[in-house]
């Protein structure tokens, strides 16, 4: 299924990282904070969208709308919720 965000929005896939304590204990999903990094899958054509497909971004906590496409979870973010692009 193809999805194209409209206006100043972007479609992102959350990047899940395995979290461990300093002693090496892996934290269960229920103890983790909501991820704040994602990979951009598609971006709208609005003037405010400054990201492109493949960018890794940091977004505001508790922002966006969660959707499910082809049995995978994605997040639709407004351009104002995208805080920055992670550069390697």
N, C-alpha and C. Protein backbone atom coordinates (compact mmCIF):
# COMPACT_ATOMS: atom_id res chain seq x y z
N UNK A 1 0.84 -1.17 0.00
CA UNK A 1 0.00 0.00 0.00
C UNK A 1 0.89 1.24 0.00
N UNK A 2 0.55 2.20 -0.82
CA UNK A 2 1.30 3.45 -0.88
C UNK A 2 0.54 4.50 -0.09
N UNK A 3 1.29 5.39 0.55
CA UNK A 3 0.71 6.46 1.34
C UNK A 3 1.51 7.72 1.11
N UNK A 4 0.84 8.80 0.77
CA UNK A 4 1.50 10.09 0.55
C UNK A 4 0.92 11.11 1.53
N UNK A 5 1.73 11.59 2.49
CA UNK A 5 1.23 12.62 3.40
C UNK A 5 0.95 13.91 2.65
N UNK A 6 -0.05 14.62 3.09
CA UNK A 6 -0.43 15.87 2.45
C UNK A 6 0.11 17.07 3.22
N UNK A 7 0.35 18.15 2.51
CA UNK A 7 0.74 19.41 3.15
C UNK A 7 2.02 19.30 3.95
N UNK A 8 1.97 19.83 5.17
CA UNK A 8 3.15 19.90 6.03
C UNK A 8 3.22 18.72 6.99
N UNK A 9 3.10 17.52 6.46
CA UNK A 9 3.15 16.31 7.28
C UNK A 9 4.17 15.33 6.70
N UNK A 10 4.59 14.40 7.56
CA UNK A 10 5.53 13.36 7.12
C UNK A 10 5.12 12.03 7.73
N UNK A 11 5.35 10.95 6.99
CA UNK A 11 5.09 9.60 7.47
C UNK A 11 6.42 9.04 7.96
N UNK A 12 6.42 8.54 9.20
CA UNK A 12 7.66 8.05 9.81
C UNK A 12 7.44 6.69 10.43
N UNK A 13 8.50 5.90 10.48
CA UNK A 13 8.49 4.60 11.15
C UNK A 13 9.38 4.72 12.37
N UNK A 14 8.83 4.37 13.53
CA UNK A 14 9.58 4.48 14.78
C UNK A 14 10.80 3.58 14.76
N UNK A 15 11.89 4.06 15.33
CA UNK A 15 13.11 3.29 15.47
C UNK A 15 13.15 2.77 16.90
N UNK A 16 12.97 1.47 17.05
CA UNK A 16 12.98 0.84 18.37
C UNK A 16 14.40 0.44 18.71
N UNK A 17 14.85 0.84 19.86
CA UNK A 17 16.18 0.44 20.33
C UNK A 17 16.01 -0.38 21.58
N UNK A 18 16.80 -1.44 21.68
CA UNK A 18 16.77 -2.27 22.88
C UNK A 18 17.46 -1.50 23.99
N UNK A 19 16.75 -1.33 25.11
CA UNK A 19 17.31 -0.57 26.21
C UNK A 19 17.80 -1.50 27.30
N UNK A 20 18.99 -1.20 27.82
CA UNK A 20 19.59 -1.98 28.90
C UNK A 20 19.99 -1.03 30.02
N UNK A 21 19.98 -1.56 31.22
CA UNK A 21 20.49 -0.79 32.35
C UNK A 21 22.02 -0.88 32.33
N UNK A 22 22.68 -0.13 33.20
CA UNK A 22 24.14 -0.17 33.24
C UNK A 22 24.66 -1.55 33.61
N UNK A 23 23.86 -2.32 34.35
CA UNK A 23 24.30 -3.67 34.75
C UNK A 23 23.99 -4.73 33.69
N UNK A 24 23.34 -4.32 32.57
CA UNK A 24 23.10 -5.25 31.48
C UNK A 24 21.72 -5.87 31.46
N UNK A 25 20.80 -5.42 32.32
CA UNK A 25 19.44 -5.96 32.33
C UNK A 25 18.64 -5.30 31.21
N UNK A 26 18.01 -6.12 30.36
CA UNK A 26 17.19 -5.61 29.27
C UNK A 26 15.84 -5.20 29.83
N UNK A 27 15.43 -3.95 29.54
CA UNK A 27 14.16 -3.44 30.04
C UNK A 27 13.00 -3.94 29.18
N UNK A 28 11.89 -4.37 29.78
CA UNK A 28 10.73 -4.79 29.00
C UNK A 28 10.04 -3.57 28.37
N UNK A 29 9.21 -3.83 27.34
CA UNK A 29 8.53 -2.76 26.63
C UNK A 29 7.71 -1.87 27.56
N UNK A 30 7.11 -2.45 28.58
CA UNK A 30 6.25 -1.67 29.48
C UNK A 30 7.04 -0.67 30.31
N UNK A 31 8.34 -0.88 30.48
CA UNK A 31 9.16 0.02 31.29
C UNK A 31 9.87 1.08 30.44
N UNK A 32 9.77 0.96 29.13
CA UNK A 32 10.47 1.88 28.25
C UNK A 32 9.66 3.16 28.04
N UNK A 33 10.37 4.24 27.78
CA UNK A 33 9.72 5.47 27.36
C UNK A 33 9.39 5.36 25.88
N UNK A 34 8.42 6.15 25.45
CA UNK A 34 8.05 6.17 24.04
C UNK A 34 9.25 6.66 23.22
N UNK A 35 9.58 5.96 22.12
CA UNK A 35 10.72 6.39 21.31
C UNK A 35 10.50 7.79 20.74
N UNK A 36 11.57 8.53 20.57
CA UNK A 36 11.47 9.86 20.00
C UNK A 36 12.30 9.99 18.73
N UNK A 37 12.74 8.87 18.17
CA UNK A 37 13.45 8.89 16.90
C UNK A 37 12.69 8.04 15.91
N UNK A 38 12.74 8.45 14.65
CA UNK A 38 12.03 7.72 13.60
C UNK A 38 12.73 7.95 12.27
N UNK A 39 12.42 7.06 11.33
CA UNK A 39 12.93 7.21 9.96
C UNK A 39 11.79 7.71 9.09
N UNK A 40 12.07 8.74 8.30
CA UNK A 40 11.05 9.29 7.40
C UNK A 40 10.85 8.33 6.24
N UNK A 41 9.59 7.95 6.02
CA UNK A 41 9.23 7.06 4.91
C UNK A 41 8.76 7.90 3.71
N UNK A 42 7.97 8.94 3.97
CA UNK A 42 7.48 9.82 2.92
C UNK A 42 7.21 11.19 3.54
N UNK A 43 7.35 12.24 2.73
CA UNK A 43 7.10 13.60 3.22
C UNK A 43 6.13 14.30 2.28
N UNK A 44 5.29 15.15 2.87
CA UNK A 44 4.35 15.94 2.09
C UNK A 44 5.08 17.02 1.29
N UNK A 45 4.33 17.75 0.48
CA UNK A 45 4.96 18.76 -0.37
C UNK A 45 4.75 20.18 0.15
N UNK A 46 4.43 20.32 1.43
CA UNK A 46 4.26 21.65 2.02
C UNK A 46 5.58 22.38 2.17
N UNK A 47 5.52 23.69 2.32
CA UNK A 47 6.72 24.52 2.43
C UNK A 47 7.47 24.29 3.72
N UNK A 48 6.79 23.87 4.77
CA UNK A 48 7.41 23.71 6.08
C UNK A 48 8.15 22.39 6.24
N UNK A 49 7.90 21.41 5.38
CA UNK A 49 8.53 20.10 5.51
C UNK A 49 9.97 20.19 4.98
N UNK A 50 10.93 19.99 5.87
CA UNK A 50 12.35 20.12 5.51
C UNK A 50 13.06 18.77 5.55
N UNK A 51 12.31 17.67 5.52
CA UNK A 51 12.90 16.33 5.57
C UNK A 51 12.56 15.57 4.29
N UNK A 52 13.30 14.48 4.08
CA UNK A 52 13.04 13.64 2.90
C UNK A 52 13.09 12.18 3.33
N UNK A 53 12.61 11.31 2.49
CA UNK A 53 12.61 9.87 2.78
C UNK A 53 14.03 9.40 3.11
N UNK A 54 14.14 8.61 4.17
CA UNK A 54 15.43 8.08 4.59
C UNK A 54 16.08 8.86 5.72
N UNK A 55 15.64 10.09 5.98
CA UNK A 55 16.19 10.87 7.09
C UNK A 55 15.80 10.25 8.42
N UNK A 56 16.70 10.30 9.39
CA UNK A 56 16.40 9.91 10.76
C UNK A 56 16.15 11.20 11.53
N UNK A 57 14.99 11.26 12.19
CA UNK A 57 14.59 12.50 12.86
C UNK A 57 14.34 12.28 14.34
N UNK A 58 14.33 13.37 15.07
CA UNK A 58 13.90 13.40 16.46
C UNK A 58 12.63 14.23 16.47
N UNK A 59 11.60 13.73 17.16
CA UNK A 59 10.32 14.45 17.19
C UNK A 59 9.86 14.67 18.62
N UNK A 60 8.92 15.60 18.78
CA UNK A 60 8.41 15.96 20.10
C UNK A 60 7.69 14.77 20.73
N UNK A 61 7.86 14.63 22.03
CA UNK A 61 7.24 13.53 22.78
C UNK A 61 5.73 13.62 22.68
N UNK A 62 5.08 12.49 22.55
CA UNK A 62 3.61 12.37 22.49
C UNK A 62 2.99 13.11 21.31
N UNK A 63 3.71 13.26 20.23
CA UNK A 63 3.16 13.94 19.06
C UNK A 63 2.84 12.92 17.97
N UNK A 64 2.11 13.36 16.98
CA UNK A 64 1.79 12.53 15.83
C UNK A 64 0.56 11.67 16.01
N UNK A 65 0.15 11.08 14.91
CA UNK A 65 -1.00 10.17 14.86
C UNK A 65 -0.51 8.81 14.41
N UNK A 66 -0.77 7.80 15.23
CA UNK A 66 -0.33 6.45 14.90
C UNK A 66 -1.31 5.81 13.92
N UNK A 67 -0.77 5.17 12.88
CA UNK A 67 -1.60 4.43 11.91
C UNK A 67 -0.95 3.08 11.64
N UNK A 68 -1.72 2.18 11.06
CA UNK A 68 -1.23 0.85 10.71
C UNK A 68 -1.45 0.66 9.21
N UNK A 69 -0.35 0.36 8.49
CA UNK A 69 -0.39 0.09 7.05
C UNK A 69 0.35 -1.21 6.81
N UNK A 70 -0.28 -2.14 6.12
CA UNK A 70 0.35 -3.43 5.79
C UNK A 70 0.93 -4.10 7.04
N UNK A 71 0.17 -4.09 8.12
CA UNK A 71 0.54 -4.72 9.40
C UNK A 71 1.80 -4.14 10.03
N UNK A 72 2.14 -2.90 9.71
CA UNK A 72 3.26 -2.21 10.34
C UNK A 72 2.74 -0.88 10.88
N UNK A 73 3.33 -0.46 12.00
CA UNK A 73 2.90 0.78 12.62
C UNK A 73 3.76 1.95 12.16
N UNK A 74 3.09 3.06 11.84
CA UNK A 74 3.73 4.28 11.40
C UNK A 74 3.18 5.45 12.19
N UNK A 75 3.81 6.60 12.03
CA UNK A 75 3.41 7.81 12.70
C UNK A 75 3.32 8.92 11.67
N UNK A 76 2.20 9.65 11.68
CA UNK A 76 2.08 10.83 10.82
C UNK A 76 2.39 12.04 11.69
N UNK A 77 3.41 12.78 11.31
CA UNK A 77 3.88 13.92 12.10
C UNK A 77 3.66 15.23 11.36
N UNK A 78 3.25 16.27 12.08
CA UNK A 78 3.22 17.61 11.53
C UNK A 78 4.65 18.13 11.47
N UNK A 79 4.95 19.00 10.53
CA UNK A 79 6.30 19.55 10.39
C UNK A 79 6.75 20.24 11.67
N UNK A 80 5.85 20.88 12.39
CA UNK A 80 6.23 21.60 13.62
C UNK A 80 6.63 20.65 14.76
N UNK A 81 6.24 19.35 14.67
CA UNK A 81 6.60 18.37 15.69
C UNK A 81 7.98 17.76 15.45
N UNK A 82 8.54 17.95 14.25
CA UNK A 82 9.86 17.42 13.93
C UNK A 82 10.90 18.41 14.45
N UNK A 83 11.69 17.94 15.42
CA UNK A 83 12.63 18.83 16.10
C UNK A 83 13.98 18.94 15.40
N UNK A 84 14.38 17.89 14.68
CA UNK A 84 15.66 17.94 14.01
C UNK A 84 15.97 16.65 13.27
N UNK A 85 17.02 16.69 12.46
CA UNK A 85 17.48 15.55 11.69
C UNK A 85 18.78 15.05 12.31
N UNK A 86 18.88 13.73 12.51
CA UNK A 86 20.10 13.14 13.06
C UNK A 86 21.08 12.92 11.92
N UNK A 87 22.27 13.51 12.05
CA UNK A 87 23.29 13.37 11.02
C UNK A 87 24.39 12.46 11.53
N UNK A 88 24.90 11.58 10.66
CA UNK A 88 25.98 10.65 11.06
C UNK A 88 27.33 11.32 11.01
